[in-house]
Amino acid sequence: MAKYGKTASKKVEKTMRERKQGTLRSGRSGKKVTSKKQAIAIGLSEARRAGGKVPAKSRS
């Protein structure tokens, strides 16, 4: 069974495109996002908020 749903895939795809164009900004500070990992994290976070199928964040 798939770990991530279609919503997650679409959101991550959208954020990665924004990062590549240089328009993706992070939360409160509004700084430009340049790292792939951070872009993916933002996409998954948006998918969670939208109610998509995404595993819970790992706790350390």
PDB file of N, CA and C in Angstrom:
ATOM      1  N   MET A   1       0.836  -1.188   0.000  1.00  0.00           N
ATOM      2  CA  MET A   1       0.000   0.000   0.000  1.00  0.00           C
ATOM      3  C   MET A   1       0.885   1.257   0.000  1.00  0.00           C
ATOM      4  N   ALA A   2       0.431   2.270  -0.726  1.00  0.00           N
ATOM      5  CA  ALA A   2       1.214   3.498  -0.867  1.00  0.00           C
ATOM      6  C   ALA A   2       1.268   4.274   0.444  1.00  0.00           C
ATOM      7  N   LYS A   3       2.442   4.872   0.703  1.00  0.00           N
ATOM      8  CA  LYS A   3       2.634   5.660   1.922  1.00  0.00           C
ATOM      9  C   LYS A   3       1.990   7.038   1.791  1.00  0.00           C
ATOM     10  N   TYR A   4       2.090   7.608   0.589  1.00  0.00           N
ATOM     11  CA  TYR A   4       1.603   8.970   0.352  1.00  0.00           C
ATOM     12  C   TYR A   4       0.486   8.953  -0.685  1.00  0.00           C
ATOM     13  N   GLY A   5      -0.486   9.844  -0.519  1.00  0.00           N
ATOM     14  CA  GLY A   5      -1.607   9.929  -1.444  1.00  0.00           C
ATOM     15  C   GLY A   5      -1.344  10.899  -2.587  1.00  0.00           C
ATOM     16  N   LYS A   6      -2.360  11.067  -3.456  1.00  0.00           N
ATOM     17  CA  LYS A   6      -2.224  11.949  -4.612  1.00  0.00           C
ATOM     18  C   LYS A   6      -2.068  13.410  -4.187  1.00  0.00           C
ATOM     19  N   THR A   7      -2.777  13.796  -3.122  1.00  0.00           N
ATOM     20  CA  THR A   7      -2.705  15.182  -2.640  1.00  0.00           C
ATOM     21  C   THR A   7      -1.268  15.537  -2.290  1.00  0.00           C
ATOM     22  N   ALA A   8      -0.594  14.633  -1.569  1.00  0.00           N
ATOM     23  CA  ALA A   8       0.796  14.866  -1.164  1.00  0.00           C
ATOM     24  C   ALA A   8       1.678  15.024  -2.393  1.00  0.00           C
ATOM     25  N   SER A   9       1.466  14.167  -3.370  1.00  0.00           N
ATOM     26  CA  SER A   9       2.265  14.207  -4.585  1.00  0.00           C
ATOM     27  C   SER A   9       2.106  15.543  -5.303  1.00  0.00           C
ATOM     28  N   LYS A  10       0.876  16.005  -5.428  1.00  0.00           N
ATOM     29  CA  LYS A  10       0.600  17.266  -6.121  1.00  0.00           C
ATOM     30  C   LYS A  10       1.188  18.465  -5.378  1.00  0.00           C
ATOM     31  N   LYS A  11       1.056  18.470  -4.039  1.00  0.00           N
ATOM     32  CA  LYS A  11       1.555  19.592  -3.239  1.00  0.00           C
ATOM     33  C   LYS A  11       3.079  19.666  -3.313  1.00  0.00           C
ATOM     34  N   VAL A  12       3.738  18.515  -3.205  1.00  0.00           N
ATOM     35  CA  VAL A  12       5.206  18.493  -3.269  1.00  0.00           C
ATOM     36  C   VAL A  12       5.661  18.938  -4.656  1.00  0.00           C
ATOM     37  N   GLU A  13       4.971  18.460  -5.680  1.00  0.00           N
ATOM     38  CA  GLU A  13       5.303  18.835  -7.056  1.00  0.00           C
ATOM     39  C   GLU A  13       5.194  20.356  -7.225  1.00  0.00           C
ATOM     40  N   LYS A  14       4.142  20.940  -6.664  1.00  0.00           N
ATOM     41  CA  LYS A  14       3.905  22.387  -6.757  1.00  0.00           C
ATOM     42  C   LYS A  14       5.012  23.167  -6.040  1.00  0.00           C
ATOM     43  N   THR A  15       5.368  22.721  -4.830  1.00  0.00           N
ATOM     44  CA  THR A  15       6.395  23.441  -4.071  1.00  0.00           C
ATOM     45  C   THR A  15       7.770  23.316  -4.723  1.00  0.00           C
ATOM     46  N   MET A  16       8.050  22.157  -5.307  1.00  0.00           N
ATOM     47  CA  MET A  16       9.344  21.974  -5.980  1.00  0.00           C
ATOM     48  C   MET A  16       9.447  22.906  -7.192  1.00  0.00           C
ATOM     49  N   ARG A  17       8.337  23.069  -7.904  1.00  0.00           N
ATOM     50  CA  ARG A  17       8.313  23.962  -9.059  1.00  0.00           C
ATOM     51  C   ARG A  17       8.532  25.405  -8.607  1.00  0.00           C
ATOM     52  N   GLU A  18       7.867  25.777  -7.513  1.00  0.00           N
ATOM     53  CA  GLU A  18       8.029  27.133  -6.967  1.00  0.00           C
ATOM     54  C   GLU A  18       9.473  27.385  -6.545  1.00  0.00           C
ATOM     55  N   ARG A  19      10.087  26.376  -5.914  1.00  0.00           N
ATOM     56  CA  ARG A  19      11.485  26.509  -5.479  1.00  0.00           C
ATOM     57  C   ARG A  19      12.391  26.739  -6.678  1.00  0.00           C
ATOM     58  N   LYS A  20      12.147  25.993  -7.733  1.00  0.00           N
ATOM     59  CA  LYS A  20      12.969  26.113  -8.932  1.00  0.00           C
ATOM     60  C   LYS A  20      12.831  27.498  -9.573  1.00  0.00           C
ATOM     61  N   GLN A  21      11.610  28.049  -9.524  1.00  0.00           N
ATOM     62  CA  GLN A  21      11.363  29.377 -10.084  1.00  0.00           C
ATOM     63  C   GLN A  21      11.880  30.484  -9.163  1.00  0.00           C
ATOM     64  N   GLY A  22      12.121  30.133  -7.888  1.00  0.00           N
ATOM     65  CA  GLY A  22      12.623  31.109  -6.932  1.00  0.00           C
ATOM     66  C   GLY A  22      11.529  31.898  -6.242  1.00  0.00           C
ATOM     67  N   THR A  23      10.282  31.362  -6.262  1.00  0.00           N
ATOM     68  CA  THR A  23       9.162  32.075  -5.643  1.00  0.00           C
ATOM     69  C   THR A  23       8.709  31.449  -4.325  1.00  0.00           C
ATOM     70  N   LEU A  24       9.321  30.321  -3.943  1.00  0.00           N
ATOM     71  CA  LEU A  24       8.912  29.639  -2.711  1.00  0.00           C
ATOM     72  C   LEU A  24       9.510  30.345  -1.491  1.00  0.00           C
ATOM     73  N   ARG A  25       8.658  30.671  -0.548  1.00  0.00           N
ATOM     74  CA  ARG A  25       9.082  31.367   0.672  1.00  0.00           C
ATOM     75  C   ARG A  25       8.720  30.528   1.883  1.00  0.00           C
ATOM     76  N   SER A  26       9.524  30.640   2.944  1.00  0.00           N
ATOM     77  CA  SER A  26       9.258  29.889   4.166  1.00  0.00           C
ATOM     78  C   SER A  26       8.307  30.669   5.069  1.00  0.00           C
ATOM     79  N   GLY A  27       7.744  29.982   6.032  1.00  0.00           N
ATOM     80  CA  GLY A  27       6.749  30.485   6.977  1.00  0.00           C
ATOM     81  C   GLY A  27       6.801  31.923   7.423  1.00  0.00           C
ATOM     82  N   ARG A  28       7.135  32.147   8.678  1.00  0.00           N
ATOM     83  CA  ARG A  28       7.056  33.486   9.260  1.00  0.00           C
ATOM     84  C   ARG A  28       8.081  34.457   8.708  1.00  0.00           C
ATOM     85  N   SER A  29       9.310  33.981   8.546  1.00  0.00           N
ATOM     86  CA  SER A  29      10.381  34.892   8.118  1.00  0.00           C
ATOM     87  C   SER A  29      10.203  35.338   6.673  1.00  0.00           C
ATOM     88  N   GLY A  30       9.633  34.483   5.849  1.00  0.00           N
ATOM     89  CA  GLY A  30       9.420  34.825   4.444  1.00  0.00           C
ATOM     90  C   GLY A  30      10.686  34.764   3.611  1.00  0.00           C
ATOM     91  N   LYS A  31      11.716  34.054   4.146  1.00  0.00           N
ATOM     92  CA  LYS A  31      12.960  33.920   3.401  1.00  0.00           C
ATOM     93  C   LYS A  31      12.774  32.959   2.227  1.00  0.00           C
ATOM     94  N   LYS A  32      13.572  33.183   1.180  1.00  0.00           N
ATOM     95  CA  LYS A  32      13.503  32.338  -0.001  1.00  0.00           C
ATOM     96  C   LYS A  32      14.022  30.931   0.330  1.00  0.00           C
ATOM     97  N   VAL A  33      13.293  29.912  -0.107  1.00  0.00           N
ATOM     98  CA  VAL A  33      13.699  28.522   0.133  1.00  0.00           C
ATOM     99  C   VAL A  33      14.549  28.068  -1.044  1.00  0.00           C
ATOM    100  N   THR A  34      15.750  27.528  -0.737  1.00  0.00           N
ATOM    101  CA  THR A  34      16.634  27.059  -1.804  1.00  0.00           C
ATOM    102  C   THR A  34      16.904  25.561  -1.714  1.00  0.00           C
ATOM    103  N   SER A  35      16.658  24.945  -0.551  1.00  0.00           N
ATOM    104  CA  SER A  35      16.980  23.524  -0.413  1.00  0.00           C
ATOM    105  C   SER A  35      15.814  22.631  -0.813  1.00  0.00           C
ATOM    106  N   LYS A  36      16.140  21.517  -1.478  1.00  0.00           N
ATOM    107  CA  LYS A  36      15.126  20.559  -1.922  1.00  0.00           C
ATOM    108  C   LYS A  36      14.396  19.957  -0.737  1.00  0.00           C
ATOM    109  N   LYS A  37      15.160  19.608   0.309  1.00  0.00           N
ATOM    110  CA  LYS A  37      14.575  18.969   1.489  1.00  0.00           C
ATOM    111  C   LYS A  37      13.521  19.857   2.136  1.00  0.00           C
ATOM    112  N   GLN A  38      13.829  21.133   2.247  1.00  0.00           N
ATOM    113  CA  GLN A  38      12.899  22.065   2.867  1.00  0.00           C
ATOM    114  C   GLN A  38      11.654  22.237   2.001  1.00  0.00           C
ATOM    115  N   ALA A  39      11.827  22.256   0.685  1.00  0.00           N
ATOM    116  CA  ALA A  39      10.693  22.381  -0.234  1.00  0.00           C
ATOM    117  C   ALA A  39       9.758  21.183  -0.098  1.00  0.00           C
ATOM    118  N   ILE A  40      10.336  19.989   0.018  1.00  0.00           N
ATOM    119  CA  ILE A  40       9.543  18.767   0.191  1.00  0.00           C
ATOM    120  C   ILE A  40       8.797  18.819   1.511  1.00  0.00           C
ATOM    121  N   ALA A  41       9.472  19.262   2.562  1.00  0.00           N
ATOM    122  CA  ALA A  41       8.847  19.362   3.886  1.00  0.00           C
ATOM    123  C   ALA A  41       7.666  20.328   3.853  1.00  0.00           C
ATOM    124  N   ILE A  42       7.804  21.434   3.157  1.00  0.00           N
ATOM    125  CA  ILE A  42       6.717  22.409   3.047  1.00  0.00           C
ATOM    126  C   ILE A  42       5.542  21.797   2.289  1.00  0.00           C
ATOM    127  N   GLY A  43       5.841  21.082   1.206  1.00  0.00           N
ATOM    128  CA  GLY A  43       4.792  20.420   0.416  1.00  0.00           C
ATOM    129  C   GLY A  43       4.022  19.399   1.226  1.00  0.00           C
ATOM    130  N   LEU A  44       4.735  18.592   2.008  1.00  0.00           N
ATOM    131  CA  LEU A  44       4.081  17.572   2.837  1.00  0.00           C
ATOM    132  C   LEU A  44       3.254  18.214   3.936  1.00  0.00           C
ATOM    133  N   SER A  45       3.762  19.306   4.485  1.00  0.00           N
ATOM    134  CA  SER A  45       3.042  20.028   5.526  1.00  0.00           C
ATOM    135  C   SER A  45       1.727  20.583   4.975  1.00  0.00           C
ATOM    136  N   GLU A  46       1.779  21.134   3.763  1.00  0.00           N
ATOM    137  CA  GLU A  46       0.569  21.645   3.120  1.00  0.00           C
ATOM    138  C   GLU A  46      -0.418  20.522   2.851  1.00  0.00           C
ATOM    139  N   ALA A  47       0.101  19.360   2.434  1.00  0.00           N
ATOM    140  CA  ALA A  47      -0.765  18.203   2.161  1.00  0.00           C
ATOM    141  C   ALA A  47      -1.445  17.720   3.440  1.00  0.00           C
ATOM    142  N   ARG A  48      -0.706  17.746   4.546  1.00  0.00           N
ATOM    143  CA  ARG A  48      -1.299  17.357   5.842  1.00  0.00           C
ATOM    144  C   ARG A  48      -2.458  18.271   6.201  1.00  0.00           C
ATOM    145  N   ARG A  49      -2.227  19.583   6.022  1.00  0.00           N
ATOM    146  CA  ARG A  49      -3.267  20.571   6.326  1.00  0.00           C
ATOM    147  C   ARG A  49      -4.488  20.390   5.426  1.00  0.00           C
ATOM    148  N   ALA A  50      -4.254  19.937   4.191  1.00  0.00           N
ATOM    149  CA  ALA A  50      -5.340  19.738   3.238  1.00  0.00           C
ATOM    150  C   ALA A  50      -6.061  18.408   3.483  1.00  0.00           C
ATOM    151  N   GLY A  51      -5.547  17.609   4.418  1.00  0.00           N
ATOM    152  CA  GLY A  51      -6.191  16.336   4.765  1.00  0.00           C
ATOM    153  C   GLY A  51      -5.765  15.176   3.883  1.00  0.00           C
ATOM    154  N   GLY A  52      -4.625  15.311   3.233  1.00  0.00           N
ATOM    155  CA  GLY A  52      -4.129  14.243   2.362  1.00  0.00           C
ATOM    156  C   GLY A  52      -3.519  13.096   3.146  1.00  0.00           C
ATOM    157  N   LYS A  53      -3.275  11.991   2.450  1.00  0.00           N
ATOM    158  CA  LYS A  53      -2.683  10.818   3.111  1.00  0.00           C
ATOM    159  C   LYS A  53      -1.169  10.994   3.181  1.00  0.00           C
ATOM    160  N   VAL A  54      -0.731  11.399   4.382  1.00  0.00           N
ATOM    161  CA  VAL A  54       0.695  11.613   4.636  1.00  0.00           C
ATOM    162  C   VAL A  54       0.997  11.076   6.036  1.00  0.00           C
ATOM    163  N   PRO A  55       2.063  10.250   6.180  1.00  0.00           N
ATOM    164  CA  PRO A  55       2.412   9.758   7.519  1.00  0.00           C
ATOM    165  C   PRO A  55       2.740  10.909   8.467  1.00  0.00           C
ATOM    166  N   ALA A  56       2.543  10.695   9.745  1.00  0.00           N
ATOM    167  CA  ALA A  56       2.832  11.726  10.764  1.00  0.00           C
ATOM    168  C   ALA A  56       4.322  12.018  10.777  1.00  0.00           C
ATOM    169  N   LYS A  57       4.667  13.217  11.198  1.00  0.00           N
ATOM    170  CA  LYS A  57       6.076  13.605  11.297  1.00  0.00           C
ATOM    171  C   LYS A  57       6.766  12.706  12.306  1.00  0.00           C
ATOM    172  N   SER A  58       8.022  12.349  12.040  1.00  0.00           N
ATOM    173  CA  SER A  58       8.756  11.489  12.968  1.00  0.00           C
ATOM    174  C   SER A  58       9.165  12.284  14.207  1.00  0.00           C
ATOM    175  N   ARG A  59       9.048  11.676  15.360  1.00  0.00           N
ATOM    176  CA  ARG A  59       9.408  12.329  16.630  1.00  0.00           C
ATOM    177  C   ARG A  59      10.760  11.793  17.077  1.00  0.00           C
ATOM    178  N   SER A  60      11.626  12.676  17.528  1.00  0.00           N
ATOM    179  CA  SER A  60      12.941  12.220  17.980  1.00  0.00           C
ATOM    180  C   SER A  60      13.055  12.309  19.481  1.00  0.00           C
TER     181      SER A  60
END
